[in-house]
Amino acid sequence: MASSSSCRAWHCLLALFLLSSFAYGQLSPSFYAKTCPTLELIVRSTVTKAVLVERRMGASLLRLHFHDCFVQGCDGSILLDDKGSFVGEKTALPNMNSVRGFEVIDEIKKNVELVCPGVVSCADIIALAARDGMVMLGGPSWPVPLGQRDSTTASLNAANSDIPTPDYNLEQLIAAFNKHQLSPRDMTALSGAHTIGYSQCLNFRDHIYNGTNIDPVFGTLRKRTCPAQAPNGDTNLAPFDVQTALVFDIAYYSNLVTKRGLLNSDQELFNGGSQDALVSQYATNPALFATDFVAAIIKMSNLSPPPGTPTQIRRNCRVVNS
């Protein structure tokens, strides 16, 4: 009975959070109910096809959403190609040769434009695709706040400075998320996205060779495909979660407890600091993790471009409307 009451309490808190966040941001899961009622079906079917072809794409679409929202809000700016004198965010260090899924977003946009031309933003398509890709990998679903618009600008500098890097310590992680009105609890829950997907050797080399908070057996395993001398093996991939690389579960957190976090920034969440207790809770309570993750990603999805930012509904997600 106590467990049931606790569960209901969490549902009530989440419901209150949803109502307040949607009202504040003027975003709503039903934003396109009249103007493009088949939107979610189109996104889901296109994402399903992409993930069936390559399961890793589910993780890539989720990462694309994070990297979009962490630079000037969820505005689709990460999708803009460099063209002429325009320099976008794709060549930023956290994105270059790393962020994927652009072709899937292109396909969704093409399919949506056939039915609802000029109505749905690329930013909203990213958010929906991230949710649906994660559900395909066993993650929870959530009502995506819709109504974001596409920025006509991008910021290479902000992408280089605002997206957390693999070498961040806990203090830097907390500050990076706080900059986007995300709490330490939000940060620890959202980091659980690393229960799916892979990272390149160049991102975890320093941790496995020089880190002091790493299980030696795990370090030896990772060194097999990540040579010590850069740039040898820089692009070799390793799973964040060695047990279930493409299943959304709590193994990420149990790995942190046993010092098997792939990145330094992962292991910093459980390294004698303020987030240790929460990591331990998530490692044994999948319902709590799922609830916190959903609340945090909805909060992140509500991040809009700064007031006064010129926006539009792009016809082609890669270029500003002419």
C-alpha atoms as a PDB file:
ATOM      1  CA  MET A   1       0.000   0.000   0.000  1.00  0.00           C
ATOM      2  CA  ALA A   2       2.809   2.416   0.901  1.00  0.00           C
ATOM      3  CA  SER A   3       4.492   1.712  -2.446  1.00  0.00           C
ATOM      4  CA  SER A   4       1.230   2.383  -4.327  1.00  0.00           C
ATOM      5  CA  SER A   5       0.703   5.681  -2.495  1.00  0.00           C
ATOM      6  CA  SER A   6       4.278   6.718  -3.257  1.00  0.00           C
ATOM      7  CA  CYS A   7       3.755   5.927  -6.924  1.00  0.00           C
ATOM      8  CA  ARG A   8       0.570   7.998  -7.010  1.00  0.00           C
ATOM      9  CA  ALA A   9       2.409  10.847  -5.322  1.00  0.00           C
ATOM     10  CA  TRP A  10       5.066  10.823  -8.008  1.00  0.00           C
ATOM     11  CA  HIS A  11       2.368  10.864 -10.692  1.00  0.00           C
ATOM     12  CA  CYS A  12       0.719  13.868  -9.031  1.00  0.00           C
ATOM     13  CA  LEU A  13       4.011  15.738  -8.816  1.00  0.00           C
ATOM     14  CA  LEU A  14       4.728  15.008 -12.466  1.00  0.00           C
ATOM     15  CA  ALA A  15       1.256  16.149 -13.499  1.00  0.00           C
ATOM     16  CA  LEU A  16       1.665  19.435 -11.611  1.00  0.00           C
ATOM     17  CA  PHE A  17       5.086  19.924 -13.183  1.00  0.00           C
ATOM     18  CA  LEU A  18       3.695  19.341 -16.676  1.00  0.00           C
ATOM     19  CA  LEU A  19       0.864  21.804 -16.186  1.00  0.00           C
ATOM     20  CA  SER A  20       3.112  24.530 -14.827  1.00  0.00           C
ATOM     21  CA  SER A  21       5.873  24.082 -17.407  1.00  0.00           C
ATOM     22  CA  PHE A  22       3.539  24.032 -20.383  1.00  0.00           C
ATOM     23  CA  ALA A  23       1.657  27.087 -19.131  1.00  0.00           C
ATOM     24  CA  TYR A  24       4.862  28.990 -18.481  1.00  0.00           C
ATOM     25  CA  GLY A  25       6.487  28.181 -21.812  1.00  0.00           C
ATOM     26  CA  GLN A  26       3.254  28.390 -23.828  1.00  0.00           C
ATOM     27  CA  LEU A  27       4.151  25.018 -25.272  1.00  0.00           C
ATOM     28  CA  SER A  28       1.766  22.087 -25.375  1.00  0.00           C
ATOM     29  CA  PRO A  29       1.724  18.438 -26.485  1.00  0.00           C
ATOM     30  CA  SER A  30      -1.443  19.303 -28.429  1.00  0.00           C
ATOM     31  CA  PHE A  31       0.046  22.324 -30.226  1.00  0.00           C
ATOM     32  CA  TYR A  32      -0.464  20.727 -33.666  1.00  0.00           C
ATOM     33  CA  ALA A  33      -3.745  18.962 -32.875  1.00  0.00           C
ATOM     34  CA  LYS A  34      -5.628  21.016 -35.462  1.00  0.00           C
ATOM     35  CA  THR A  35      -2.900  22.149 -37.846  1.00  0.00           C
ATOM     36  CA  CYS A  36      -1.130  18.776 -38.254  1.00  0.00           C
ATOM     37  CA  PRO A  37      -3.075  16.036 -36.450  1.00  0.00           C
ATOM     38  CA  THR A  38      -1.054  13.175 -37.993  1.00  0.00           C
ATOM     39  CA  LEU A  39       2.310  14.640 -36.966  1.00  0.00           C
ATOM     40  CA  GLU A  40       3.144  12.179 -34.197  1.00  0.00           C
ATOM     41  CA  LEU A  41       2.144   9.209 -36.336  1.00  0.00           C
ATOM     42  CA  ILE A  42       4.426  10.404 -39.161  1.00  0.00           C
ATOM     43  CA  VAL A  43       7.363  10.938 -36.796  1.00  0.00           C
ATOM     44  CA  ARG A  44       6.868   7.631 -35.030  1.00  0.00           C
ATOM     45  CA  SER A  45       6.639   5.596 -38.243  1.00  0.00           C
ATOM     46  CA  THR A  46       9.751   7.220 -39.722  1.00  0.00           C
ATOM     47  CA  VAL A  47      11.763   6.797 -36.514  1.00  0.00           C
ATOM     48  CA  THR A  48      10.603   3.193 -36.177  1.00  0.00           C
ATOM     49  CA  LYS A  49      11.875   2.425 -39.651  1.00  0.00           C
ATOM     50  CA  ALA A  50      15.231   4.083 -38.933  1.00  0.00           C
ATOM     51  CA  VAL A  51      15.758   2.286 -35.605  1.00  0.00           C
ATOM     52  CA  LEU A  52      14.798  -1.083 -37.103  1.00  0.00           C
ATOM     53  CA  VAL A  53      17.537  -0.537 -39.680  1.00  0.00           C
ATOM     54  CA  GLU A  54      20.060   0.561 -37.008  1.00  0.00           C
ATOM     55  CA  ARG A  55      19.170   0.331 -33.311  1.00  0.00           C
ATOM     56  CA  ARG A  56      21.930   2.764 -32.387  1.00  0.00           C
ATOM     57  CA  MET A  57      19.954   5.504 -34.139  1.00  0.00           C
ATOM     58  CA  GLY A  58      17.566   5.627 -31.173  1.00  0.00           C
ATOM     59  CA  ALA A  59      20.413   6.809 -28.960  1.00  0.00           C
ATOM     60  CA  SER A  60      21.709   9.181 -31.641  1.00  0.00           C
ATOM     61  CA  LEU A  61      18.367  10.972 -31.974  1.00  0.00           C
ATOM     62  CA  LEU A  62      18.191  11.472 -28.222  1.00  0.00           C
ATOM     63  CA  ARG A  63      21.693  12.950 -28.221  1.00  0.00           C
ATOM     64  CA  LEU A  64      20.764  15.236 -31.111  1.00  0.00           C
ATOM     65  CA  HIS A  65      17.967  16.665 -28.971  1.00  0.00           C
ATOM     66  CA  PHE A  66      20.319  17.315 -26.027  1.00  0.00           C
ATOM     67  CA  HIS A  67      22.903  19.048 -28.193  1.00  0.00           C
ATOM     68  CA  ASP A  68      20.233  21.206 -29.810  1.00  0.00           C
ATOM     69  CA  CYS A  69      18.623  22.354 -26.572  1.00  0.00           C
ATOM     70  CA  PHE A  70      21.918  23.107 -24.821  1.00  0.00           C
ATOM     71  CA  VAL A  71      22.771  25.812 -27.358  1.00  0.00           C
ATOM     72  CA  GLN A  72      20.384  28.788 -27.269  1.00  0.00           C
ATOM     73  CA  GLY A  73      17.407  26.569 -26.447  1.00  0.00           C
ATOM     74  CA  CYS A  74      15.557  23.937 -28.465  1.00  0.00           C
ATOM     75  CA  ASP A  75      15.567  25.796 -31.774  1.00  0.00           C
ATOM     76  CA  GLY A  76      16.786  23.333 -34.418  1.00  0.00           C
ATOM     77  CA  SER A  77      20.003  25.329 -34.823  1.00  0.00           C
ATOM     78  CA  ILE A  78      22.124  22.174 -34.716  1.00  0.00           C
ATOM     79  CA  LEU A  79      20.594  21.105 -38.034  1.00  0.00           C
ATOM     80  CA  LEU A  80      21.852  24.110 -40.027  1.00  0.00           C
ATOM     81  CA  ASP A  81      24.614  23.348 -42.538  1.00  0.00           C
ATOM     82  CA  ASP A  82      27.620  25.597 -43.044  1.00  0.00           C
ATOM     83  CA  LYS A  83      26.950  27.529 -46.231  1.00  0.00           C
ATOM     84  CA  GLY A  84      28.917  30.422 -47.673  1.00  0.00           C
ATOM     85  CA  SER A  85      29.715  32.828 -44.849  1.00  0.00           C
ATOM     86  CA  PHE A  86      27.259  31.088 -42.501  1.00  0.00           C
ATOM     87  CA  VAL A  87      28.926  28.863 -39.902  1.00  0.00           C
ATOM     88  CA  GLY A  88      26.662  26.580 -37.906  1.00  0.00           C
ATOM     89  CA  GLU A  89      27.169  24.227 -34.963  1.00  0.00           C
ATOM     90  CA  LYS A  90      27.957  20.968 -36.736  1.00  0.00           C
ATOM     91  CA  THR A  91      31.693  21.584 -36.668  1.00  0.00           C
ATOM     92  CA  ALA A  92      31.776  22.366 -32.934  1.00  0.00           C
ATOM     93  CA  LEU A  93      34.069  19.974 -31.054  1.00  0.00           C
ATOM     94  CA  PRO A  94      31.207  18.143 -29.239  1.00  0.00           C
ATOM     95  CA  ASN A  95      29.355  17.683 -32.555  1.00  0.00           C
ATOM     96  CA  MET A  96      31.902  17.185 -35.326  1.00  0.00           C
ATOM     97  CA  ASN A  97      32.070  13.608 -36.631  1.00  0.00           C
ATOM     98  CA  SER A  98      29.979  12.653 -33.618  1.00  0.00           C
ATOM     99  CA  VAL A  99      26.369  13.875 -33.671  1.00  0.00           C
ATOM    100  CA  ARG A 100      24.248  11.757 -36.020  1.00  0.00           C
ATOM    101  CA  GLY A 101      20.669  11.382 -37.212  1.00  0.00           C
ATOM    102  CA  PHE A 102      20.441  14.363 -39.549  1.00  0.00           C
ATOM    103  CA  GLU A 103      19.207  12.215 -42.433  1.00  0.00           C
ATOM    104  CA  VAL A 104      16.425  10.796 -40.252  1.00  0.00           C
ATOM    105  CA  ILE A 105      15.262  14.323 -39.378  1.00  0.00           C
ATOM    106  CA  ASP A 106      15.400  15.202 -43.102  1.00  0.00           C
ATOM    107  CA  GLU A 107      13.187  12.214 -43.893  1.00  0.00           C
ATOM    108  CA  ILE A 108      10.679  13.108 -41.177  1.00  0.00           C
ATOM    109  CA  LYS A 109      10.565  16.726 -42.341  1.00  0.00           C
ATOM    110  CA  LYS A 110       9.964  15.653 -45.940  1.00  0.00           C
ATOM    111  CA  ASN A 111       7.118  13.365 -44.883  1.00  0.00           C
ATOM    112  CA  VAL A 112       5.574  16.043 -42.637  1.00  0.00           C
ATOM    113  CA  GLU A 113       5.799  18.734 -45.320  1.00  0.00           C
ATOM    114  CA  LEU A 114       3.831  16.538 -47.726  1.00  0.00           C
ATOM    115  CA  VAL A 115       0.902  16.550 -45.291  1.00  0.00           C
ATOM    116  CA  CYS A 116       1.290  19.810 -43.342  1.00  0.00           C
ATOM    117  CA  PRO A 117       3.465  22.196 -45.373  1.00  0.00           C
ATOM    118  CA  GLY A 118       5.025  25.107 -43.510  1.00  0.00           C
ATOM    119  CA  VAL A 119       3.482  24.207 -40.149  1.00  0.00           C
ATOM    120  CA  VAL A 120       5.836  22.059 -38.040  1.00  0.00           C
ATOM    121  CA  SER A 121       9.228  23.283 -36.837  1.00  0.00           C
ATOM    122  CA  CYS A 122      12.388  21.236 -37.173  1.00  0.00           C
ATOM    123  CA  ALA A 123      12.987  21.814 -33.453  1.00  0.00           C
ATOM    124  CA  ASP A 124       9.735  20.038 -32.594  1.00  0.00           C
ATOM    125  CA  ILE A 125      10.566  17.211 -34.985  1.00  0.00           C
ATOM    126  CA  ILE A 126      13.867  16.639 -33.160  1.00  0.00           C
ATOM    127  CA  ALA A 127      12.072  16.519 -29.792  1.00  0.00           C
ATOM    128  CA  LEU A 128       9.470  14.020 -30.998  1.00  0.00           C
ATOM    129  CA  ALA A 129      12.084  11.867 -32.752  1.00  0.00           C
ATOM    130  CA  ALA A 130      14.177  11.745 -29.563  1.00  0.00           C
ATOM    131  CA  ARG A 131      11.197  10.526 -27.547  1.00  0.00           C
ATOM    132  CA  ASP A 132      10.151   7.918 -30.091  1.00  0.00           C
ATOM    133  CA  GLY A 133      13.695   6.642 -30.619  1.00  0.00           C
ATOM    134  CA  MET A 134      14.123   6.118 -26.903  1.00  0.00           C
ATOM    135  CA  VAL A 135      10.787   4.323 -26.589  1.00  0.00           C
ATOM    136  CA  MET A 136      11.993   1.948 -29.309  1.00  0.00           C
ATOM    137  CA  LEU A 137      14.898   1.049 -27.020  1.00  0.00           C
ATOM    138  CA  GLY A 138      12.664   0.347 -24.040  1.00  0.00           C
ATOM    139  CA  GLY A 139      12.601   3.811 -22.467  1.00  0.00           C
ATOM    140  CA  PRO A 140       9.603   5.622 -21.000  1.00  0.00           C
ATOM    141  CA  SER A 141       7.348   7.812 -23.111  1.00  0.00           C
ATOM    142  CA  TRP A 142       6.354  11.374 -22.271  1.00  0.00           C
ATOM    143  CA  PRO A 143       4.117  14.185 -23.593  1.00  0.00           C
ATOM    144  CA  VAL A 144       6.495  16.322 -25.658  1.00  0.00           C
ATOM    145  CA  PRO A 145       5.981  20.083 -25.233  1.00  0.00           C
ATOM    146  CA  LEU A 146       5.475  21.391 -28.777  1.00  0.00           C
ATOM    147  CA  GLY A 147       5.373  24.850 -30.292  1.00  0.00           C
ATOM    148  CA  GLN A 148       9.071  25.665 -30.514  1.00  0.00           C
ATOM    149  CA  ARG A 149      10.207  27.562 -33.590  1.00  0.00           C
ATOM    150  CA  ASP A 150      13.383  27.309 -35.637  1.00  0.00           C
ATOM    151  CA  SER A 151      16.172  29.799 -35.125  1.00  0.00           C
ATOM    152  CA  THR A 152      17.612  31.539 -38.181  1.00  0.00           C
ATOM    153  CA  THR A 153      20.979  31.686 -36.420  1.00  0.00           C
ATOM    154  CA  ALA A 154      23.415  29.249 -34.827  1.00  0.00           C
ATOM    155  CA  SER A 155      26.369  29.620 -32.495  1.00  0.00           C
ATOM    156  CA  LEU A 156      29.564  27.672 -32.956  1.00  0.00           C
ATOM    157  CA  ASN A 157      31.038  29.380 -29.887  1.00  0.00           C
ATOM    158  CA  ALA A 158      28.079  28.455 -27.671  1.00  0.00           C
ATOM    159  CA  ALA A 159      28.175  24.861 -28.909  1.00  0.00           C
ATOM    160  CA  ASN A 160      31.842  24.681 -27.948  1.00  0.00           C
ATOM    161  CA  SER A 161      31.282  26.248 -24.535  1.00  0.00           C
ATOM    162  CA  ASP A 162      27.814  25.131 -23.387  1.00  0.00           C
ATOM    163  CA  ILE A 163      27.729  21.414 -24.203  1.00  0.00           C
ATOM    164  CA  PRO A 164      29.388  19.452 -21.363  1.00  0.00           C
ATOM    165  CA  THR A 165      32.568  17.634 -22.376  1.00  0.00           C
ATOM    166  CA  PRO A 166      33.782  14.162 -21.331  1.00  0.00           C
ATOM    167  CA  ASP A 167      36.477  15.568 -19.057  1.00  0.00           C
ATOM    168  CA  TYR A 168      34.131  17.677 -16.904  1.00  0.00           C
ATOM    169  CA  ASN A 169      34.214  17.214 -13.148  1.00  0.00           C
ATOM    170  CA  LEU A 170      31.081  17.273 -10.999  1.00  0.00           C
ATOM    171  CA  GLU A 171      31.284  20.987 -10.249  1.00  0.00           C
ATOM    172  CA  GLN A 172      31.540  21.799 -13.960  1.00  0.00           C
ATOM    173  CA  LEU A 173      28.639  19.493 -14.800  1.00  0.00           C
ATOM    174  CA  ILE A 174      26.383  21.076 -12.202  1.00  0.00           C
ATOM    175  CA  ALA A 175      27.292  24.560 -13.465  1.00  0.00           C
ATOM    176  CA  ALA A 176      26.684  23.604 -17.109  1.00  0.00           C
ATOM    177  CA  PHE A 177      23.208  22.276 -16.372  1.00  0.00           C
ATOM    178  CA  ASN A 178      22.395  25.121 -13.992  1.00  0.00           C
ATOM    179  CA  LYS A 179      23.064  27.545 -16.849  1.00  0.00           C
ATOM    180  CA  HIS A 180      20.006  26.003 -18.514  1.00  0.00           C
ATOM    181  CA  GLN A 181      17.839  26.045 -15.367  1.00  0.00           C
ATOM    182  CA  LEU A 182      18.409  22.331 -14.805  1.00  0.00           C
ATOM    183  CA  SER A 183      19.101  21.191 -11.249  1.00  0.00           C
ATOM    184  CA  PRO A 184      21.768  18.711 -10.102  1.00  0.00           C
ATOM    185  CA  ARG A 185      18.994  16.094  -9.837  1.00  0.00           C
ATOM    186  CA  ASP A 186      17.945  16.869 -13.427  1.00  0.00           C
ATOM    187  CA  MET A 187      21.577  16.542 -14.471  1.00  0.00           C
ATOM    188  CA  THR A 188      22.015  13.149 -12.845  1.00  0.00           C
ATOM    189  CA  ALA A 189      18.759  11.847 -14.311  1.00  0.00           C
ATOM    190  CA  LEU A 190      19.482  13.162 -17.809  1.00  0.00           C
ATOM    191  CA  SER A 191      22.974  11.659 -17.678  1.00  0.00           C
ATOM    192  CA  GLY A 192      21.171   8.317 -17.555  1.00  0.00           C
ATOM    193  CA  ALA A 193      20.657   8.733 -21.300  1.00  0.00           C
ATOM    194  CA  HIS A 194      24.126   7.182 -21.416  1.00  0.00           C
ATOM    195  CA  THR A 195      22.511   3.859 -20.624  1.00  0.00           C
ATOM    196  CA  ILE A 196      22.148   3.667 -24.416  1.00  0.00           C
ATOM    197  CA  GLY A 197      24.617   4.432 -27.166  1.00  0.00           C
ATOM    198  CA  TYR A 198      28.347   4.541 -27.750  1.00  0.00           C
ATOM    199  CA  SER A 199      31.270   6.936 -27.438  1.00  0.00           C
ATOM    200  CA  GLN A 200      34.506   7.319 -29.364  1.00  0.00           C
ATOM    201  CA  CYS A 201      37.892   6.374 -27.917  1.00  0.00           C
ATOM    202  CA  LEU A 202      39.080   9.989 -28.054  1.00  0.00           C
ATOM    203  CA  ASN A 203      36.387  10.849 -25.489  1.00  0.00           C
ATOM    204  CA  PHE A 204      37.333   8.225 -22.892  1.00  0.00           C
ATOM    205  CA  ARG A 205      41.056   7.610 -23.532  1.00  0.00           C
ATOM    206  CA  ASP A 206      42.250   9.876 -20.734  1.00  0.00           C
ATOM    207  CA  HIS A 207      39.816   8.327 -18.258  1.00  0.00           C
ATOM    208  CA  ILE A 208      40.843   4.719 -18.896  1.00  0.00           C
ATOM    209  CA  TYR A 209      44.581   5.433 -18.968  1.00  0.00           C
ATOM    210  CA  ASN A 210      44.936   8.179 -16.370  1.00  0.00           C
ATOM    211  CA  GLY A 211      41.777   8.053 -14.253  1.00  0.00           C
ATOM    212  CA  THR A 212      41.996   7.037 -10.597  1.00  0.00           C
ATOM    213  CA  ASN A 213      38.301   6.298 -10.129  1.00  0.00           C
ATOM    214  CA  ILE A 214      37.998   3.388 -12.550  1.00  0.00           C
ATOM    215  CA  ASP A 215      37.742  -0.362 -12.056  1.00  0.00           C
ATOM    216  CA  PRO A 216      41.042  -1.803 -13.395  1.00  0.00           C
ATOM    217  CA  VAL A 217      39.368  -4.775 -15.069  1.00  0.00           C
ATOM    218  CA  PHE A 218      36.971  -2.448 -16.883  1.00  0.00           C
ATOM    219  CA  GLY A 219      39.874  -0.180 -17.848  1.00  0.00           C
ATOM    220  CA  THR A 220      41.766  -3.124 -19.331  1.00  0.00           C
ATOM    221  CA  LEU A 221      38.700  -4.132 -21.344  1.00  0.00           C
ATOM    222  CA  ARG A 222      38.357  -0.678 -22.854  1.00  0.00           C
ATOM    223  CA  LYS A 223      42.085  -0.384 -23.621  1.00  0.00           C
ATOM    224  CA  ARG A 224      41.758  -3.335 -26.023  1.00  0.00           C
ATOM    225  CA  THR A 225      40.112  -1.115 -28.626  1.00  0.00           C
ATOM    226  CA  CYS A 226      41.395   2.291 -27.524  1.00  0.00           C
ATOM    227  CA  PRO A 227      45.178   2.658 -27.998  1.00  0.00           C
ATOM    228  CA  ALA A 228      47.008   4.990 -25.628  1.00  0.00           C
ATOM    229  CA  GLN A 229      48.636   7.037 -28.363  1.00  0.00           C
ATOM    230  CA  ALA A 230      46.330   9.474 -30.176  1.00  0.00           C
ATOM    231  CA  PRO A 231      45.149   9.651 -32.895  1.00  0.00           C
ATOM    232  CA  ASN A 232      45.342   5.855 -33.129  1.00  0.00           C
ATOM    233  CA  GLY A 233      41.846   4.450 -32.699  1.00  0.00           C
ATOM    234  CA  ASP A 234      40.305   7.855 -32.005  1.00  0.00           C
ATOM    235  CA  THR A 235      37.006   6.917 -33.664  1.00  0.00           C
ATOM    236  CA  ASN A 236      36.781   3.373 -32.273  1.00  0.00           C
ATOM    237  CA  LEU A 237      33.478   2.972 -30.446  1.00  0.00           C
ATOM    238  CA  ALA A 238      32.700   1.506 -27.038  1.00  0.00           C
ATOM    239  CA  PRO A 239      29.288   1.202 -25.354  1.00  0.00           C
ATOM    240  CA  PHE A 240      28.466   3.474 -22.441  1.00  0.00           C
ATOM    241  CA  ASP A 241      26.761   0.487 -20.838  1.00  0.00           C
ATOM    242  CA  VAL A 242      28.738  -2.689 -21.486  1.00  0.00           C
ATOM    243  CA  GLN A 243      25.880  -5.002 -20.462  1.00  0.00           C
ATOM    244  CA  THR A 244      22.904  -3.638 -22.443  1.00  0.00           C
ATOM    245  CA  ALA A 245      24.267  -1.032 -24.858  1.00  0.00           C
ATOM    246  CA  LEU A 246      20.998  -0.467 -26.698  1.00  0.00           C
ATOM    247  CA  VAL A 247      18.409  -1.053 -23.978  1.00  0.00           C
ATOM    248  CA  PHE A 248      17.177   1.810 -21.798  1.00  0.00           C
ATOM    249  CA  ASP A 249      17.589   0.539 -18.241  1.00  0.00           C
ATOM    250  CA  ILE A 250      19.417   1.332 -14.982  1.00  0.00           C
ATOM    251  CA  ALA A 251      22.663  -0.517 -15.747  1.00  0.00           C
ATOM    252  CA  TYR A 252      24.388   2.826 -16.325  1.00  0.00           C
ATOM    253  CA  TYR A 253      23.996   3.685 -12.650  1.00  0.00           C
ATOM    254  CA  SER A 254      24.993   0.278 -11.303  1.00  0.00           C
ATOM    255  CA  ASN A 255      28.106   0.588 -13.470  1.00  0.00           C
ATOM    256  CA  LEU A 256      28.937   3.926 -11.847  1.00  0.00           C
ATOM    257  CA  VAL A 257      28.641   2.352  -8.390  1.00  0.00           C
ATOM    258  CA  THR A 258      31.261  -0.254  -9.430  1.00  0.00           C
ATOM    259  CA  LYS A 259      33.485   2.399 -11.104  1.00  0.00           C
ATOM    260  CA  ARG A 260      32.709   1.297 -14.645  1.00  0.00           C
ATOM    261  CA  GLY A 261      31.632   4.656 -16.062  1.00  0.00           C
ATOM    262  CA  LEU A 262      32.999   5.082 -19.585  1.00  0.00           C
ATOM    263  CA  LEU A 263      33.636   8.831 -19.488  1.00  0.00           C
ATOM    264  CA  ASN A 264      35.227  10.811 -16.694  1.00  0.00           C
ATOM    265  CA  SER A 265      32.072  12.964 -16.669  1.00  0.00           C
ATOM    266  CA  ASP A 266      30.005   9.803 -16.117  1.00  0.00           C
ATOM    267  CA  GLN A 267      32.057   8.516 -13.192  1.00  0.00           C
ATOM    268  CA  GLU A 268      32.079  11.981 -11.599  1.00  0.00           C
ATOM    269  CA  LEU A 269      28.434  11.390 -10.673  1.00  0.00           C
ATOM    270  CA  PHE A 270      29.609   8.702  -8.252  1.00  0.00           C
ATOM    271  CA  ASN A 271      32.970   9.757  -6.908  1.00  0.00           C
ATOM    272  CA  GLY A 272      32.429  10.786  -3.295  1.00  0.00           C
ATOM    273  CA  GLY A 273      30.336  13.827  -4.206  1.00  0.00           C
ATOM    274  CA  SER A 274      26.833  15.230  -3.835  1.00  0.00           C
ATOM    275  CA  GLN A 275      25.194  12.892  -6.362  1.00  0.00           C
ATOM    276  CA  ASP A 276      26.401   9.568  -4.933  1.00  0.00           C
ATOM    277  CA  ALA A 277      23.216   8.912  -2.958  1.00  0.00           C
ATOM    278  CA  LEU A 278      20.950   9.642  -5.934  1.00  0.00           C
ATOM    279  CA  VAL A 279      23.027   7.415  -8.236  1.00  0.00           C
ATOM    280  CA  SER A 280      22.681   4.612  -5.688  1.00  0.00           C
ATOM    281  CA  GLN A 281      18.910   5.126  -5.639  1.00  0.00           C
ATOM    282  CA  TYR A 282      18.625   5.018  -9.428  1.00  0.00           C
ATOM    283  CA  ALA A 283      20.808   1.890  -9.516  1.00  0.00           C
ATOM    284  CA  THR A 284      18.107  -0.024  -7.616  1.00  0.00           C
ATOM    285  CA  ASN A 285      14.911   1.831  -8.505  1.00  0.00           C
ATOM    286  CA  PRO A 286      14.052   1.930 -12.222  1.00  0.00           C
ATOM    287  CA  ALA A 287      10.667   3.580 -11.580  1.00  0.00           C
ATOM    288  CA  LEU A 288      12.278   6.503  -9.759  1.00  0.00           C
ATOM    289  CA  PHE A 289      14.843   6.943 -12.531  1.00  0.00           C
ATOM    290  CA  ALA A 290      12.182   6.856 -15.249  1.00  0.00           C
ATOM    291  CA  THR A 291      10.029   9.414 -13.428  1.00  0.00           C
ATOM    292  CA  ASP A 292      12.929  11.781 -12.829  1.00  0.00           C
ATOM    293  CA  PHE A 293      14.233  11.370 -16.371  1.00  0.00           C
ATOM    294  CA  VAL A 294      10.852  12.219 -17.886  1.00  0.00           C
ATOM    295  CA  ALA A 295      10.423  15.277 -15.654  1.00  0.00           C
ATOM    296  CA  ALA A 296      13.945  16.490 -16.509  1.00  0.00           C
ATOM    297  CA  ILE A 297      13.710  15.997 -20.265  1.00  0.00           C
ATOM    298  CA  ILE A 298      10.352  17.795 -20.373  1.00  0.00           C
ATOM    299  CA  LYS A 299      11.992  20.639 -18.476  1.00  0.00           C
ATOM    300  CA  MET A 300      14.864  20.664 -20.979  1.00  0.00           C
ATOM    301  CA  SER A 301      12.483  20.518 -23.938  1.00  0.00           C
ATOM    302  CA  ASN A 302      10.863  23.723 -22.695  1.00  0.00           C
ATOM    303  CA  LEU A 303      14.102  25.681 -23.180  1.00  0.00           C
ATOM    304  CA  SER A 304      13.341  28.266 -25.849  1.00  0.00           C
ATOM    305  CA  PRO A 305      15.624  30.686 -27.736  1.00  0.00           C
ATOM    306  CA  PRO A 306      16.351  33.964 -25.932  1.00  0.00           C
ATOM    307  CA  PRO A 307      13.671  36.662 -26.348  1.00  0.00           C
ATOM    308  CA  GLY A 308      14.145  38.585 -29.563  1.00  0.00           C
ATOM    309  CA  THR A 309      15.817  35.700 -31.412  1.00  0.00           C
ATOM    310  CA  PRO A 310      14.578  35.686 -35.046  1.00  0.00           C
ATOM    311  CA  THR A 311      12.688  32.458 -35.705  1.00  0.00           C
ATOM    312  CA  GLN A 312      10.695  30.787 -38.463  1.00  0.00           C
ATOM    313  CA  ILE A 313       9.336  27.411 -39.554  1.00  0.00           C
ATOM    314  CA  ARG A 314      12.058  26.110 -41.852  1.00  0.00           C
ATOM    315  CA  ARG A 315      11.004  24.369 -45.027  1.00  0.00           C
ATOM    316  CA  ASN A 316      14.342  22.574 -45.147  1.00  0.00           C
ATOM    317  CA  CYS A 317      15.876  21.845 -41.736  1.00  0.00           C
ATOM    318  CA  ARG A 318      19.402  22.364 -43.071  1.00  0.00           C
ATOM    319  CA  VAL A 319      18.992  25.935 -44.354  1.00  0.00           C
ATOM    320  CA  VAL A 320      17.237  29.148 -43.376  1.00  0.00           C
ATOM    321  CA  ASN A 321      14.250  30.008 -45.568  1.00  0.00           C
ATOM    322  CA  SER A 322      15.240  32.288 -48.438  1.00  0.00           C
END
